[in-house]
């Protein structure tokens, strides 16, 4: 049996310096190595993107700055 894990991805294009809303993100399979599981979804909501994020991109902490996520 193959288990496919889910990860957080951009549901739409997110321009640089945009405040990320929950409707902009989704959880999909497969989860590439180093991707973040759904439990971290809330860590992105309300944060500003540090770079342009394309639809379908796997979300990573450095896209909003690690310091931002610790606040």
PDB file of N, CA and C in Angstrom:
ATOM      1  N   UNK A   1       0.831  -1.185   0.000  1.00  0.00           N
ATOM      2  CA  UNK A   1       0.000   0.000   0.000  1.00  0.00           C
ATOM      3  C   UNK A   1       0.878   1.252   0.000  1.00  0.00           C
ATOM      4  N   UNK A   2       0.551   2.188  -0.867  1.00  0.00           N
ATOM      5  CA  UNK A   2       1.294   3.445  -0.956  1.00  0.00           C
ATOM      6  C   UNK A   2       0.531   4.507  -0.181  1.00  0.00           C
ATOM      7  N   UNK A   3       1.244   5.204   0.693  1.00  0.00           N
ATOM      8  CA  UNK A   3       0.636   6.300   1.453  1.00  0.00           C
ATOM      9  C   UNK A   3       1.134   7.608   0.867  1.00  0.00           C
ATOM     10  N   UNK A   4       0.200   8.443   0.447  1.00  0.00           N
ATOM     11  CA  UNK A   4       0.566   9.755  -0.072  1.00  0.00           C
ATOM     12  C   UNK A   4       0.173  10.814   0.953  1.00  0.00           C
ATOM     13  N   UNK A   5       1.127  11.565   1.365  1.00  0.00           N
ATOM     14  CA  UNK A   5       0.890  12.601   2.358  1.00  0.00           C
ATOM     15  C   UNK A   5       0.443  13.893   1.665  1.00  0.00           C
ATOM     16  N   UNK A   6      -0.201  14.756   2.445  1.00  0.00           N
ATOM     17  CA  UNK A   6      -0.664  16.034   1.926  1.00  0.00           C
ATOM     18  C   UNK A   6       0.259  17.155   2.397  1.00  0.00           C
ATOM     19  N   UNK A   7       0.262  18.250   1.656  1.00  0.00           N
ATOM     20  CA  UNK A   7       1.060  19.407   2.038  1.00  0.00           C
ATOM     21  C   UNK A   7       0.300  20.690   1.691  1.00  0.00           C
ATOM     22  N   UNK A   8       0.796  21.798   2.208  1.00  0.00           N
ATOM     23  CA  UNK A   8       0.188  23.105   1.972  1.00  0.00           C
ATOM     24  C   UNK A   8       0.709  23.663   0.650  1.00  0.00           C
ATOM     25  N   UNK A   9      -0.216  24.113  -0.200  1.00  0.00           N
ATOM     26  CA  UNK A   9       0.126  24.706  -1.487  1.00  0.00           C
ATOM     27  C   UNK A   9      -0.667  25.985  -1.700  1.00  0.00           C
ATOM     28  N   UNK A  10      -0.156  26.836  -2.584  1.00  0.00           N
ATOM     29  CA  UNK A  10      -0.867  28.065  -2.946  1.00  0.00           C
ATOM     30  C   UNK A  10      -2.041  27.704  -3.853  1.00  0.00           C
ATOM     31  N   UNK A  11      -3.217  28.190  -3.523  1.00  0.00           N
ATOM     32  CA  UNK A  11      -4.427  27.929  -4.306  1.00  0.00           C
ATOM     33  C   UNK A  11      -4.537  28.906  -5.474  1.00  0.00           C
ATOM     34  N   UNK A  12      -3.787  29.996  -5.396  1.00  0.00           N
ATOM     35  CA  UNK A  12      -3.792  31.037  -6.425  1.00  0.00           C
ATOM     36  C   UNK A  12      -2.438  31.727  -6.421  1.00  0.00           C
ATOM     37  N   UNK A  13      -2.188  32.559  -7.422  1.00  0.00           N
ATOM     38  CA  UNK A  13      -0.972  33.367  -7.420  1.00  0.00           C
ATOM     39  C   UNK A  13      -1.069  34.362  -6.260  1.00  0.00           C
ATOM     40  N   UNK A  14       0.033  34.516  -5.522  1.00  0.00           N
ATOM     41  CA  UNK A  14       0.085  35.451  -4.402  1.00  0.00           C
ATOM     42  C   UNK A  14       1.225  36.432  -4.676  1.00  0.00           C
ATOM     43  N   UNK A  15       0.901  37.699  -4.972  1.00  0.00           N
ATOM     44  CA  UNK A  15       1.952  38.686  -5.245  1.00  0.00           C
ATOM     45  C   UNK A  15       2.822  38.957  -4.011  1.00  0.00           C
ATOM     46  N   UNK A  16       4.024  39.439  -4.254  1.00  0.00           N
ATOM     47  CA  UNK A  16       4.941  39.817  -3.181  1.00  0.00           C
ATOM     48  C   UNK A  16       4.280  40.879  -2.307  1.00  0.00           C
ATOM     49  N   UNK A  17       4.528  40.829  -1.012  1.00  0.00           N
ATOM     50  CA  UNK A  17       4.021  41.783  -0.024  1.00  0.00           C
ATOM     51  C   UNK A  17       2.505  41.707   0.179  1.00  0.00           C
ATOM     52  N   UNK A  18       1.903  40.575  -0.146  1.00  0.00           N
ATOM     53  CA  UNK A  18       0.458  40.393   0.029  1.00  0.00           C
ATOM     54  C   UNK A  18       0.191  39.667   1.340  1.00  0.00           C
ATOM     55  N   UNK A  19      -0.816  40.145   2.081  1.00  0.00           N
ATOM     56  CA  UNK A  19      -1.224  39.464   3.305  1.00  0.00           C
ATOM     57  C   UNK A  19      -1.957  38.189   2.896  1.00  0.00           C
ATOM     58  N   UNK A  20      -1.499  37.060   3.394  1.00  0.00           N
ATOM     59  CA  UNK A  20      -2.036  35.763   2.994  1.00  0.00           C
ATOM     60  C   UNK A  20      -3.296  35.429   3.793  1.00  0.00           C
ATOM     61  N   UNK A  21      -4.356  35.111   3.063  1.00  0.00           N
ATOM     62  CA  UNK A  21      -5.615  34.696   3.684  1.00  0.00           C
ATOM     63  C   UNK A  21      -5.795  33.197   3.523  1.00  0.00           C
ATOM     64  N   UNK A  22      -6.605  32.610   4.358  1.00  0.00           N
ATOM     65  CA  UNK A  22      -6.841  31.171   4.315  1.00  0.00           C
ATOM     66  C   UNK A  22      -7.381  30.696   2.978  1.00  0.00           C
ATOM     67  N   UNK A  23      -8.148  31.550   2.297  1.00  0.00           N
ATOM     68  CA  UNK A  23      -8.714  31.188   0.997  1.00  0.00           C
ATOM     69  C   UNK A  23      -7.655  31.105  -0.103  1.00  0.00           C
ATOM     70  N   UNK A  24      -6.451  31.582   0.176  1.00  0.00           N
ATOM     71  CA  UNK A  24      -5.365  31.569  -0.809  1.00  0.00           C
ATOM     72  C   UNK A  24      -4.563  30.272  -0.772  1.00  0.00           C
ATOM     73  N   UNK A  25      -4.825  29.440   0.234  1.00  0.00           N
ATOM     74  CA  UNK A  25      -4.050  28.216   0.431  1.00  0.00           C
ATOM     75  C   UNK A  25      -4.947  26.981   0.345  1.00  0.00           C
ATOM     76  N   UNK A  26      -4.338  25.857   0.023  1.00  0.00           N
ATOM     77  CA  UNK A  26      -5.063  24.595  -0.035  1.00  0.00           C
ATOM     78  C   UNK A  26      -4.130  23.472   0.428  1.00  0.00           C
ATOM     79  N   UNK A  27      -4.696  22.308   0.633  1.00  0.00           N
ATOM     80  CA  UNK A  27      -3.917  21.143   1.050  1.00  0.00           C
ATOM     81  C   UNK A  27      -4.117  20.060  -0.006  1.00  0.00           C
ATOM     82  N   UNK A  28      -3.020  19.630  -0.612  1.00  0.00           N
ATOM     83  CA  UNK A  28      -3.087  18.670  -1.710  1.00  0.00           C
ATOM     84  C   UNK A  28      -2.020  17.589  -1.583  1.00  0.00           C
ATOM     85  N   UNK A  29      -2.213  16.512  -2.340  1.00  0.00           N
ATOM     86  CA  UNK A  29      -1.215  15.454  -2.492  1.00  0.00           C
ATOM     87  C   UNK A  29      -0.533  15.648  -3.831  1.00  0.00           C
ATOM     88  N   UNK A  30       0.636  15.169  -4.037  1.00  0.00           N
ATOM     89  CA  UNK A  30       1.556  14.570  -3.075  1.00  0.00           C
ATOM     90  C   UNK A  30       2.345  15.645  -2.345  1.00  0.00           C
ATOM     91  N   UNK A  31       3.030  15.216  -1.304  1.00  0.00           N
ATOM     92  CA  UNK A  31       3.861  16.119  -0.511  1.00  0.00           C
ATOM     93  C   UNK A  31       5.327  15.830  -0.819  1.00  0.00           C
ATOM     94  N   UNK A  32       5.983  16.721  -1.558  1.00  0.00           N
ATOM     95  CA  UNK A  32       7.400  16.504  -1.850  1.00  0.00           C
ATOM     96  C   UNK A  32       8.247  16.578  -0.569  1.00  0.00           C
ATOM     97  N   UNK A  33       9.420  16.036  -0.634  1.00  0.00           N
ATOM     98  CA  UNK A  33      10.342  16.063   0.512  1.00  0.00           C
ATOM     99  C   UNK A  33      10.555  17.520   0.953  1.00  0.00           C
ATOM    100  N   UNK A  34      10.443  17.755   2.242  1.00  0.00           N
ATOM    101  CA  UNK A  34      10.664  19.087   2.790  1.00  0.00           C
ATOM    102  C   UNK A  34       9.420  19.966   2.817  1.00  0.00           C
ATOM    103  N   UNK A  35       8.303  19.455   2.331  1.00  0.00           N
ATOM    104  CA  UNK A  35       7.069  20.245   2.340  1.00  0.00           C
ATOM    105  C   UNK A  35       6.440  20.206   3.733  1.00  0.00           C
ATOM    106  N   UNK A  36       5.478  21.108   3.965  1.00  0.00           N
ATOM    107  CA  UNK A  36       4.871  21.229   5.286  1.00  0.00           C
ATOM    108  C   UNK A  36       3.495  20.579   5.337  1.00  0.00           C
ATOM    109  N   UNK A  37       3.227  19.812   6.391  1.00  0.00           N
ATOM    110  CA  UNK A  37       1.920  19.164   6.532  1.00  0.00           C
ATOM    111  C   UNK A  37       0.833  20.190   6.882  1.00  0.00           C
ATOM    112  N   UNK A  38      -0.435  19.804   6.729  1.00  0.00           N
ATOM    113  CA  UNK A  38      -1.561  20.712   6.971  1.00  0.00           C
ATOM    114  C   UNK A  38      -1.603  21.348   8.355  1.00  0.00           C
ATOM    115  N   UNK A  39      -0.992  20.733   9.353  1.00  0.00           N
ATOM    116  CA  UNK A  39      -1.047  21.298  10.710  1.00  0.00           C
ATOM    117  C   UNK A  39      -0.413  22.689  10.802  1.00  0.00           C
ATOM    118  N   UNK A  40       0.400  23.077   9.815  1.00  0.00           N
ATOM    119  CA  UNK A  40       1.050  24.390   9.819  1.00  0.00           C
ATOM    120  C   UNK A  40       0.297  25.441   9.006  1.00  0.00           C
ATOM    121  N   UNK A  41      -0.849  25.106   8.479  1.00  0.00           N
ATOM    122  CA  UNK A  41      -1.617  26.025   7.628  1.00  0.00           C
ATOM    123  C   UNK A  41      -1.875  27.362   8.323  1.00  0.00           C
ATOM    124  N   UNK A  42      -2.290  27.334   9.564  1.00  0.00           N
ATOM    125  CA  UNK A  42      -2.618  28.568  10.282  1.00  0.00           C
ATOM    126  C   UNK A  42      -1.404  29.478  10.486  1.00  0.00           C
ATOM    127  N   UNK A  43      -0.200  28.928  10.410  1.00  0.00           N
ATOM    128  CA  UNK A  43       1.018  29.732  10.573  1.00  0.00           C
ATOM    129  C   UNK A  43       1.220  30.708   9.412  1.00  0.00           C
ATOM    130  N   UNK A  44       0.602  30.442   8.265  1.00  0.00           N
ATOM    131  CA  UNK A  44       0.753  31.305   7.095  1.00  0.00           C
ATOM    132  C   UNK A  44      -0.318  32.389   7.014  1.00  0.00           C
ATOM    133  N   UNK A  45      -1.481  32.121   7.566  1.00  0.00           N
ATOM    134  CA  UNK A  45      -2.605  33.051   7.464  1.00  0.00           C
ATOM    135  C   UNK A  45      -2.298  34.341   8.232  1.00  0.00           C
ATOM    136  N   UNK A  46      -2.472  35.471   7.547  1.00  0.00           N
ATOM    137  CA  UNK A  46      -2.218  36.776   8.154  1.00  0.00           C
ATOM    138  C   UNK A  46      -0.801  37.289   7.971  1.00  0.00           C
ATOM    139  N   UNK A  47       0.076  36.474   7.425  1.00  0.00           N
ATOM    140  CA  UNK A  47       1.465  36.891   7.189  1.00  0.00           C
ATOM    141  C   UNK A  47       1.621  37.459   5.787  1.00  0.00           C
ATOM    142  N   UNK A  48       2.629  38.305   5.592  1.00  0.00           N
ATOM    143  CA  UNK A  48       2.907  38.873   4.272  1.00  0.00           C
ATOM    144  C   UNK A  48       3.901  37.995   3.524  1.00  0.00           C
ATOM    145  N   UNK A  49       3.656  37.826   2.238  1.00  0.00           N
ATOM    146  CA  UNK A  49       4.579  37.045   1.405  1.00  0.00           C
ATOM    147  C   UNK A  49       5.835  37.871   1.138  1.00  0.00           C
ATOM    148  N   UNK A  50       6.987  37.237   1.203  1.00  0.00           N
ATOM    149  CA  UNK A  50       8.260  37.912   0.955  1.00  0.00           C
ATOM    150  C   UNK A  50       8.644  37.886  -0.516  1.00  0.00           C
ATOM    151  N   UNK A  51       7.964  37.030  -1.289  1.00  0.00           N
ATOM    152  CA  UNK A  51       8.240  36.919  -2.711  1.00  0.00           C
ATOM    153  C   UNK A  51       6.956  36.523  -3.422  1.00  0.00           C
ATOM    154  N   UNK A  52       6.974  36.579  -4.736  1.00  0.00           N
ATOM    155  CA  UNK A  52       5.816  36.152  -5.513  1.00  0.00           C
ATOM    156  C   UNK A  52       5.674  34.638  -5.400  1.00  0.00           C
ATOM    157  N   UNK A  53       4.477  34.172  -5.125  1.00  0.00           N
ATOM    158  CA  UNK A  53       4.206  32.746  -4.989  1.00  0.00           C
ATOM    159  C   UNK A  53       3.221  32.364  -6.093  1.00  0.00           C
ATOM    160  N   UNK A  54       3.561  31.355  -6.861  1.00  0.00           N
ATOM    161  CA  UNK A  54       2.727  30.915  -7.979  1.00  0.00           C
ATOM    162  C   UNK A  54       1.706  29.869  -7.520  1.00  0.00           C
ATOM    163  N   UNK A  55       0.571  29.836  -8.202  1.00  0.00           N
ATOM    164  CA  UNK A  55      -0.468  28.845  -7.933  1.00  0.00           C
ATOM    165  C   UNK A  55       0.149  27.445  -7.998  1.00  0.00           C
ATOM    166  N   UNK A  56      -0.108  26.633  -6.986  1.00  0.00           N
ATOM    167  CA  UNK A  56       0.414  25.273  -6.945  1.00  0.00           C
ATOM    168  C   UNK A  56       1.744  25.124  -6.238  1.00  0.00           C
ATOM    169  N   UNK A  57       2.434  26.245  -5.963  1.00  0.00           N
ATOM    170  CA  UNK A  57       3.714  26.157  -5.258  1.00  0.00           C
ATOM    171  C   UNK A  57       3.521  25.557  -3.866  1.00  0.00           C
ATOM    172  N   UNK A  58       4.467  24.746  -3.453  1.00  0.00           N
ATOM    173  CA  UNK A  58       4.480  24.198  -2.096  1.00  0.00           C
ATOM    174  C   UNK A  58       4.903  25.329  -1.163  1.00  0.00           C
ATOM    175  N   UNK A  59       4.144  25.541  -0.108  1.00  0.00           N
ATOM    176  CA  UNK A  59       4.450  26.628   0.828  1.00  0.00           C
ATOM    177  C   UNK A  59       5.576  26.211   1.767  1.00  0.00           C
ATOM    178  N   UNK A  60       6.478  27.142   1.992  1.00  0.00           N
ATOM    179  CA  UNK A  60       7.616  26.930   2.885  1.00  0.00           C
ATOM    180  C   UNK A  60       7.740  28.137   3.818  1.00  0.00           C
ATOM    181  N   UNK A  61       8.286  27.910   5.011  1.00  0.00           N
ATOM    182  CA  UNK A  61       8.394  28.984   5.991  1.00  0.00           C
ATOM    183  C   UNK A  61       9.144  30.200   5.461  1.00  0.00           C
ATOM    184  N   UNK A  62      10.165  29.988   4.658  1.00  0.00           N
ATOM    185  CA  UNK A  62      10.961  31.123   4.179  1.00  0.00           C
ATOM    186  C   UNK A  62      10.185  32.033   3.217  1.00  0.00           C
ATOM    187  N   UNK A  63       9.036  31.606   2.751  1.00  0.00           N
ATOM    188  CA  UNK A  63       8.211  32.442   1.865  1.00  0.00           C
ATOM    189  C   UNK A  63       7.579  33.606   2.619  1.00  0.00           C
ATOM    190  N   UNK A  64       7.469  33.473   3.939  1.00  0.00           N
ATOM    191  CA  UNK A  64       6.938  34.555   4.758  1.00  0.00           C
ATOM    192  C   UNK A  64       7.942  34.978   5.830  1.00  0.00           C
ATOM    193  N   UNK A  65       9.087  34.366   5.855  1.00  0.00           N
ATOM    194  CA  UNK A  65      10.131  34.692   6.826  1.00  0.00           C
ATOM    195  C   UNK A  65       9.939  33.904   8.102  1.00  0.00           C
ATOM    196  N   UNK A  66      10.946  33.186   8.498  1.00  0.00           N
ATOM    197  CA  UNK A  66      10.835  32.346   9.699  1.00  0.00           C
ATOM    198  C   UNK A  66      10.495  33.148  10.928  1.00  0.00           C
ATOM    199  N   UNK A  67      11.059  34.354  11.058  1.00  0.00           N
ATOM    200  CA  UNK A  67      10.771  35.215  12.203  1.00  0.00           C
ATOM    201  C   UNK A  67       9.309  35.577  12.282  1.00  0.00           C
ATOM    202  N   UNK A  68       8.690  35.811  11.145  1.00  0.00           N
ATOM    203  CA  UNK A  68       7.264  36.145  11.109  1.00  0.00           C
ATOM    204  C   UNK A  68       6.429  35.009  11.692  1.00  0.00           C
ATOM    205  N   UNK A  69       6.800  33.777  11.450  1.00  0.00           N
ATOM    206  CA  UNK A  69       6.014  32.644  11.906  1.00  0.00           C
ATOM    207  C   UNK A  69       6.135  32.423  13.401  1.00  0.00           C
ATOM    208  N   UNK A  70       7.184  32.936  13.991  1.00  0.00           N
ATOM    209  CA  UNK A  70       7.382  32.734  15.424  1.00  0.00           C
ATOM    210  C   UNK A  70       6.654  33.764  16.271  1.00  0.00           C
ATOM    211  N   UNK A  71       6.093  34.797  15.653  1.00  0.00           N
ATOM    212  CA  UNK A  71       5.392  35.862  16.394  1.00  0.00           C
ATOM    213  C   UNK A  71       4.033  35.404  16.849  1.00  0.00           C
TER     214      UNK A  71
END
